[in-house]
Amino acid sequence: MARGKWVCSYKKTTLLVCFFNIAVALYALRSLYASLYIYSGNVSRNVELYDPDQIRKMEQSIQIRKEFKPLELIKWVKALEGEFFRESVAVELPWHLKQNIIDEILLRLRSLNSTGTDITKEREAVESWRKEKLEEVKLALAKRTSNSTIPHEEAGVLVRALESDWAALCEEVGLWIPVQIANEEHDDKPEGVEEFEEEVLPGRPLAPECHAELHTDYDGAAVKWGLTHHKDSAADCCQACLDHAKHAKEGEKKCNIWVYCPSEFGCHSPDIYQHKHQECWLKYAEKPRLNFKDKYPESYRNSHPSAPVIVPWVSGVVSS
């Protein structure tokens, strides 16, 4: 009897667990069905919220937006995007093809026999080679032929490189020719007016007894060596000449000529020295004589190519 009661209770427990699982499954199905029903009901109610007049107005609005859509602008934007994309994709040439290009360009430049100073000829020679090469490659591409320098399978890439990506190709092969700049000097001064008449000397004004003359160099025996005698301004140089003459001892040569270099780039002279900024030469001459006035003569500039056109010195003969 004990064994039978135990078996009976085991069956009851199994049945209870099964009924419980069935009840849970039914409840889950009912909840899922209810949620679907509620959703479909909301959708149908939302659709019913719009009357025919509102639906018609919405359709008209959509039609108006389509009619005013900037189709031309969109087309241009897409075209520009395509161009930018094509430009961003660089042409990658095989190394042996780049080497052939380098060799041919160097051969063309060597045939000029130029010293490297004539940039215009070099640029024209390279451009001439590019045009000839482009015609040759296009012809090979059109006839579907090939030769030792232009394989047919590489002709299309080379055409694009020579046409649209020429600047990038030059950079890849290391070809750089500087741009030649033509400087034009515009002379807008009135006729008869020299360029240096408006020059203003730095420093304090010169005393009247200095008799300063711009772009002038006087000859004479040096009583103060300018290479080691510098002054801050032309006025100081003239004053040094006046002081030298005032304090000169009996029998000594008194300064009566001063020559000063106001140019920051130095001043040219026919001697062997390199004269620098702020040199102050004190000289003596019984009869002061001009070396140069305003401009160096053409014959002197031909024998001294580094000499400037205009005399950079400023000098004067002091009053006795």
Protein backbone atom coordinates (compact mmCIF):
# COMPACT_ATOMS: atom_id res chain seq x y z
CA MET A 1 0.00 0.00 0.00
CA ALA A 2 2.87 2.38 0.71
CA ARG A 3 4.38 1.72 -2.72
CA GLY A 4 0.98 2.35 -4.41
CA LYS A 5 0.46 5.64 -2.64
CA TRP A 6 3.93 6.80 -3.72
CA VAL A 7 3.25 5.93 -7.37
CA CYS A 8 -0.09 7.74 -7.28
CA SER A 9 1.47 10.93 -5.90
CA TYR A 10 4.21 10.87 -8.61
CA LYS A 11 1.58 10.77 -11.40
CA LYS A 12 -0.35 13.62 -9.84
CA THR A 13 2.80 15.74 -9.65
CA THR A 14 3.59 15.07 -13.33
CA LEU A 15 0.08 16.03 -14.39
CA LEU A 16 0.18 19.23 -12.38
CA VAL A 17 3.46 20.29 -13.99
CA CYS A 18 2.08 19.63 -17.47
CA PHE A 19 -1.11 21.59 -16.81
CA PHE A 20 0.99 24.47 -15.47
CA ASN A 21 3.19 24.55 -18.61
CA ILE A 22 0.11 24.51 -20.85
CA ALA A 23 -1.45 27.37 -18.91
CA VAL A 24 1.74 29.46 -19.22
CA ALA A 25 1.94 28.80 -22.96
CA LEU A 26 -1.71 29.77 -23.46
CA TYR A 27 -1.17 32.97 -21.49
CA ALA A 28 1.85 33.86 -23.60
CA LEU A 29 -0.03 33.27 -26.85
CA ARG A 30 -2.94 35.35 -25.63
CA SER A 31 -0.62 38.25 -24.71
CA LEU A 32 1.08 38.12 -28.13
CA TYR A 33 -2.25 38.08 -29.94
CA ALA A 34 -3.55 40.99 -27.85
CA SER A 35 -0.50 43.14 -28.65
CA LEU A 36 -0.86 42.44 -32.39
CA TYR A 37 -4.53 43.30 -32.24
CA ILE A 38 -3.86 46.56 -30.41
CA TYR A 39 -1.13 47.56 -32.96
CA SER A 40 -3.35 46.84 -35.96
CA GLY A 41 -6.14 48.76 -34.33
CA ASN A 42 -3.89 51.80 -33.78
CA VAL A 43 -2.71 51.71 -37.38
CA SER A 44 -6.27 51.59 -38.68
CA ARG A 45 -7.32 54.39 -36.37
CA ASN A 46 -4.32 56.51 -37.46
CA VAL A 47 -5.23 56.01 -41.10
CA GLU A 48 -8.74 57.05 -40.37
CA LEU A 49 -7.46 60.30 -38.82
CA TYR A 50 -6.75 61.81 -42.33
CA ASP A 51 -9.78 62.77 -44.40
CA PRO A 52 -9.69 62.79 -48.23
CA ASP A 53 -9.01 66.56 -48.38
CA GLN A 54 -5.93 66.25 -46.20
CA ILE A 55 -4.65 63.32 -48.23
CA ARG A 56 -5.12 65.35 -51.43
CA LYS A 57 -3.16 68.29 -49.97
CA MET A 58 -0.32 66.00 -48.94
CA GLU A 59 -0.15 64.57 -52.45
CA GLN A 60 -0.10 68.10 -53.89
CA SER A 61 2.76 69.03 -51.53
CA ILE A 62 4.79 66.03 -52.62
CA GLN A 63 4.17 66.92 -56.27
CA ILE A 64 5.26 70.55 -55.73
CA ARG A 65 8.50 69.43 -54.07
CA LYS A 66 9.23 67.16 -57.02
CA GLU A 67 8.58 69.98 -59.52
CA PHE A 68 10.89 72.43 -57.73
CA LYS A 69 13.67 69.95 -57.16
CA PRO A 70 16.98 71.53 -58.46
CA LEU A 71 17.70 68.83 -61.00
CA GLU A 72 20.29 70.92 -62.89
CA LEU A 73 22.17 71.73 -59.71
CA ILE A 74 22.14 68.10 -58.65
CA LYS A 75 23.52 67.12 -62.04
CA TRP A 76 26.38 69.62 -61.77
CA VAL A 77 27.16 68.54 -58.22
CA LYS A 78 27.37 64.91 -59.32
CA ALA A 79 29.60 65.91 -62.24
CA LEU A 80 31.93 67.83 -59.91
CA GLU A 81 32.03 64.91 -57.52
CA GLY A 82 33.03 62.69 -60.41
CA GLU A 83 35.81 65.08 -61.44
CA PHE A 84 37.11 65.31 -57.89
CA PHE A 85 37.08 61.56 -57.63
CA ARG A 86 39.00 61.20 -60.88
CA GLU A 87 41.54 63.78 -59.76
CA SER A 88 41.98 62.11 -56.41
CA VAL A 89 42.88 58.82 -58.07
CA ALA A 90 46.52 59.24 -59.05
CA VAL A 91 47.98 57.42 -62.00
CA GLU A 92 50.46 54.82 -60.86
CA LEU A 93 53.00 54.10 -63.57
CA PRO A 94 55.33 51.10 -63.47
CA TRP A 95 58.87 51.89 -62.45
CA HIS A 96 60.41 50.87 -65.77
CA LEU A 97 58.04 53.23 -67.59
CA LYS A 98 59.01 56.11 -65.29
CA GLN A 99 62.66 55.32 -65.93
CA ASN A 100 62.09 55.47 -69.70
CA ILE A 101 60.42 58.85 -69.31
CA ILE A 102 63.33 60.18 -67.22
CA ASP A 103 65.90 58.96 -69.74
CA GLU A 104 64.07 60.49 -72.71
CA ILE A 105 63.60 63.87 -71.00
CA LEU A 106 67.27 63.99 -69.94
CA LEU A 107 68.33 63.12 -73.48
CA ARG A 108 66.17 65.96 -74.83
CA LEU A 109 67.61 68.45 -72.32
CA ARG A 110 71.20 67.39 -73.06
CA SER A 111 70.61 68.02 -76.75
CA LEU A 112 70.06 71.72 -75.98
CA ASN A 113 73.70 72.20 -74.92
CA SER A 114 72.48 74.80 -72.43
CA THR A 115 74.25 75.83 -69.26
CA GLY A 116 71.07 75.62 -67.19
CA THR A 117 70.49 79.38 -67.18
CA ASP A 118 68.08 79.46 -70.12
CA ILE A 119 64.98 78.21 -68.34
CA THR A 120 62.65 79.12 -71.20
CA LYS A 121 64.40 76.81 -73.67
CA GLU A 122 64.41 73.94 -71.19
CA ARG A 123 60.70 74.37 -70.48
CA GLU A 124 59.91 74.51 -74.21
CA ALA A 125 62.01 71.38 -74.84
CA VAL A 126 60.19 69.39 -72.14
CA GLU A 127 56.79 70.55 -73.37
CA SER A 128 57.73 69.64 -76.94
CA TRP A 129 58.75 66.14 -75.77
CA ARG A 130 55.46 65.73 -73.90
CA LYS A 131 53.37 66.61 -76.97
CA GLU A 132 55.38 64.31 -79.23
CA LYS A 133 55.16 61.46 -76.74
CA LEU A 134 51.44 61.97 -76.31
CA GLU A 135 50.83 61.78 -80.05
CA GLU A 136 52.98 58.66 -80.28
CA VAL A 137 51.11 56.92 -77.45
CA LYS A 138 47.70 57.87 -78.84
CA LEU A 139 48.66 56.53 -82.25
CA ALA A 140 49.86 53.27 -80.71
CA LEU A 141 46.64 53.02 -78.74
CA ALA A 142 44.44 53.70 -81.78
CA LYS A 143 46.22 51.16 -84.01
CA ARG A 144 46.49 48.63 -81.18
CA THR A 145 50.16 48.27 -81.89
CA SER A 146 53.08 48.25 -79.54
CA ASN A 147 56.80 48.93 -79.63
CA SER A 148 59.75 48.57 -77.30
CA THR A 149 59.01 51.69 -75.27
CA ILE A 150 55.19 51.73 -75.13
CA PRO A 151 53.48 48.43 -74.37
CA HIS A 152 49.88 48.51 -75.52
CA GLU A 153 48.52 47.54 -72.12
CA GLU A 154 50.26 50.58 -70.57
CA ALA A 155 49.40 53.08 -73.30
CA GLY A 156 46.07 54.13 -71.77
CA VAL A 157 47.61 54.86 -68.40
CA LEU A 158 50.45 56.81 -70.02
CA VAL A 159 48.01 58.92 -72.05
CA ARG A 160 46.20 59.96 -68.90
CA ALA A 161 49.47 60.68 -67.11
CA LEU A 162 50.74 62.91 -69.94
CA GLU A 163 47.42 64.75 -70.28
CA SER A 164 45.66 65.31 -66.97
CA ASP A 165 48.27 64.21 -64.42
CA TRP A 166 51.35 65.80 -66.00
CA ALA A 167 52.19 67.90 -62.92
CA ALA A 168 51.94 64.87 -60.64
CA LEU A 169 54.06 62.82 -63.06
CA CYS A 170 56.77 65.51 -63.10
CA GLU A 171 56.87 65.42 -59.33
CA GLU A 172 57.12 61.62 -59.29
CA VAL A 173 60.04 61.49 -61.72
CA GLY A 174 61.80 64.43 -60.02
CA LEU A 175 61.46 66.91 -62.89
CA TRP A 176 61.36 70.52 -61.71
CA ILE A 177 62.02 73.57 -63.85
CA PRO A 178 61.67 76.90 -62.03
CA VAL A 179 59.21 79.43 -63.36
CA GLN A 180 60.94 82.28 -65.13
CA ILE A 181 59.73 85.63 -63.82
CA ALA A 182 60.02 88.64 -66.07
CA ASN A 183 60.46 91.80 -63.99
CA GLU A 184 59.42 94.97 -65.73
CA GLU A 185 60.66 98.27 -64.36
CA HIS A 186 58.09 101.03 -64.58
CA ASP A 187 59.55 104.50 -64.66
CA ASP A 188 56.78 106.89 -63.62
CA LYS A 189 59.04 109.82 -62.76
CA PRO A 190 58.71 113.07 -64.70
CA GLU A 191 61.15 113.55 -67.52
CA GLY A 192 64.45 115.05 -66.44
CA VAL A 193 64.09 114.05 -62.78
CA GLU A 194 66.82 111.70 -61.59
CA GLU A 195 65.90 108.76 -59.37
CA PHE A 196 68.29 109.66 -56.57
CA GLU A 197 67.14 113.28 -56.12
CA GLU A 198 64.44 112.18 -53.70
CA GLU A 199 66.83 110.11 -51.56
CA VAL A 200 66.88 111.00 -47.88
CA LEU A 201 70.03 110.32 -45.88
CA PRO A 202 69.50 108.65 -42.47
CA GLY A 203 70.55 110.49 -39.34
CA ARG A 204 70.54 114.11 -38.34
CA PRO A 205 70.61 116.90 -40.97
CA LEU A 206 73.94 117.98 -42.35
CA ALA A 207 75.41 121.37 -41.57
CA PRO A 208 75.53 123.93 -44.43
CA GLU A 209 79.35 123.98 -44.41
CA CYS A 210 79.37 120.25 -45.30
CA HIS A 211 78.21 120.91 -48.88
CA ALA A 212 76.91 117.36 -49.15
CA GLU A 213 76.57 115.87 -52.64
CA LEU A 214 74.68 112.63 -53.15
CA HIS A 215 76.18 109.92 -55.35
CA THR A 216 79.56 111.61 -55.49
CA ASP A 217 83.12 110.48 -54.76
CA TYR A 218 86.04 112.92 -54.38
CA ASP A 219 89.70 112.04 -54.78
CA GLY A 220 92.34 113.06 -52.27
CA ALA A 221 94.96 111.89 -49.82
CA ALA A 222 93.40 110.02 -46.92
CA VAL A 223 94.01 111.61 -43.51
CA LYS A 224 91.62 109.13 -41.85
CA TRP A 225 91.40 105.59 -43.19
CA GLY A 226 87.72 104.77 -43.78
CA LEU A 227 88.10 100.99 -43.48
CA THR A 228 88.61 101.43 -39.73
CA HIS A 229 86.82 104.75 -39.29
CA HIS A 230 83.02 104.36 -39.15
CA LYS A 231 80.35 106.91 -38.30
CA ASP A 232 76.62 106.53 -37.66
CA SER A 233 75.56 109.12 -40.25
CA ALA A 234 76.83 111.39 -43.00
CA ALA A 235 76.45 114.37 -40.66
CA ASP A 236 78.77 112.69 -38.12
CA CYS A 237 81.30 112.00 -40.88
CA CYS A 238 81.27 115.64 -41.99
CA GLN A 239 81.60 116.79 -38.38
CA ALA A 240 84.60 114.49 -37.98
CA CYS A 241 86.21 116.23 -40.96
CA LEU A 242 85.54 119.67 -39.46
CA ASP A 243 86.95 118.57 -36.10
CA HIS A 244 90.06 117.13 -37.75
CA ALA A 245 90.76 120.37 -39.59
CA LYS A 246 90.18 122.37 -36.41
CA HIS A 247 92.53 120.33 -34.23
CA ALA A 248 95.22 119.53 -36.83
CA LYS A 249 98.76 120.37 -35.80
CA GLU A 250 101.01 122.69 -37.74
CA GLY A 251 102.34 121.03 -40.86
CA GLU A 252 99.65 118.30 -40.88
CA LYS A 253 97.17 117.98 -43.70
CA LYS A 254 93.80 119.35 -42.68
CA CYS A 255 90.69 117.46 -43.76
CA ASN A 256 88.69 119.30 -46.39
CA ILE A 257 86.94 116.32 -48.07
CA TRP A 258 84.69 113.75 -46.46
CA VAL A 259 83.30 110.65 -48.19
CA TYR A 260 80.65 108.48 -46.51
CA CYS A 261 78.98 105.15 -47.42
CA PRO A 262 75.25 105.28 -46.48
CA SER A 263 74.25 102.04 -48.24
CA GLU A 264 73.56 98.97 -46.09
CA PHE A 265 74.89 96.83 -48.98
CA GLY A 266 78.23 98.60 -49.07
CA CYS A 267 79.71 100.97 -51.65
CA HIS A 268 81.71 100.24 -54.77
CA SER A 269 85.07 101.83 -55.50
CA PRO A 270 87.81 101.28 -58.10
CA ASP A 271 90.32 100.09 -55.47
CA ILE A 272 90.84 96.52 -54.25
CA TYR A 273 88.92 96.88 -50.98
CA GLN A 274 85.36 95.93 -50.14
CA HIS A 275 83.83 99.06 -48.68
CA LYS A 276 81.09 98.57 -46.10
CA HIS A 277 78.23 100.49 -44.59
CA GLN A 278 79.11 103.61 -42.50
CA GLU A 279 82.69 103.95 -43.75
CA CYS A 280 83.85 107.54 -43.29
CA TRP A 281 86.87 108.68 -45.29
CA LEU A 282 88.55 111.97 -44.38
CA LYS A 283 90.73 113.35 -47.19
CA TYR A 284 92.80 116.34 -48.18
CA ALA A 285 93.34 117.80 -51.61
CA GLU A 286 94.69 121.22 -52.52
CA LYS A 287 92.32 121.24 -55.45
CA PRO A 288 89.49 118.73 -54.81
CA ARG A 289 88.75 116.64 -57.87
CA LEU A 290 85.74 114.40 -58.59
CA ASN A 291 86.29 110.70 -59.09
CA PHE A 292 82.68 109.90 -60.04
CA LYS A 293 79.51 111.94 -60.15
CA ASP A 294 75.92 110.56 -60.19
CA LYS A 295 76.60 107.46 -62.33
CA TYR A 296 79.61 105.35 -63.16
CA PRO A 297 80.64 105.66 -66.85
CA GLU A 298 79.74 102.80 -69.16
CA SER A 299 83.39 101.93 -69.81
CA TYR A 300 84.03 101.57 -66.06
CA ARG A 301 80.98 99.33 -65.55
CA ASN A 302 82.09 97.07 -68.41
CA SER A 303 85.47 96.52 -66.75
CA HIS A 304 83.84 96.14 -63.31
CA PRO A 305 80.67 94.03 -63.80
CA SER A 306 79.84 94.12 -60.07
CA ALA A 307 79.77 97.90 -60.00
CA PRO A 308 76.29 99.47 -59.62
CA VAL A 309 74.96 102.02 -62.09
CA ILE A 310 74.57 104.83 -59.56
CA VAL A 311 77.48 105.96 -57.36
CA PRO A 312 76.46 104.94 -53.82
CA TRP A 313 78.77 107.34 -51.95
CA VAL A 314 77.86 110.72 -50.49
CA SER A 315 80.62 113.29 -50.02
CA GLY A 316 81.37 116.96 -49.77
CA VAL A 317 84.07 119.59 -49.73
CA VAL A 318 83.93 121.51 -46.45
CA SER A 319 84.25 125.26 -46.27
CA SER A 320 87.74 126.47 -45.47
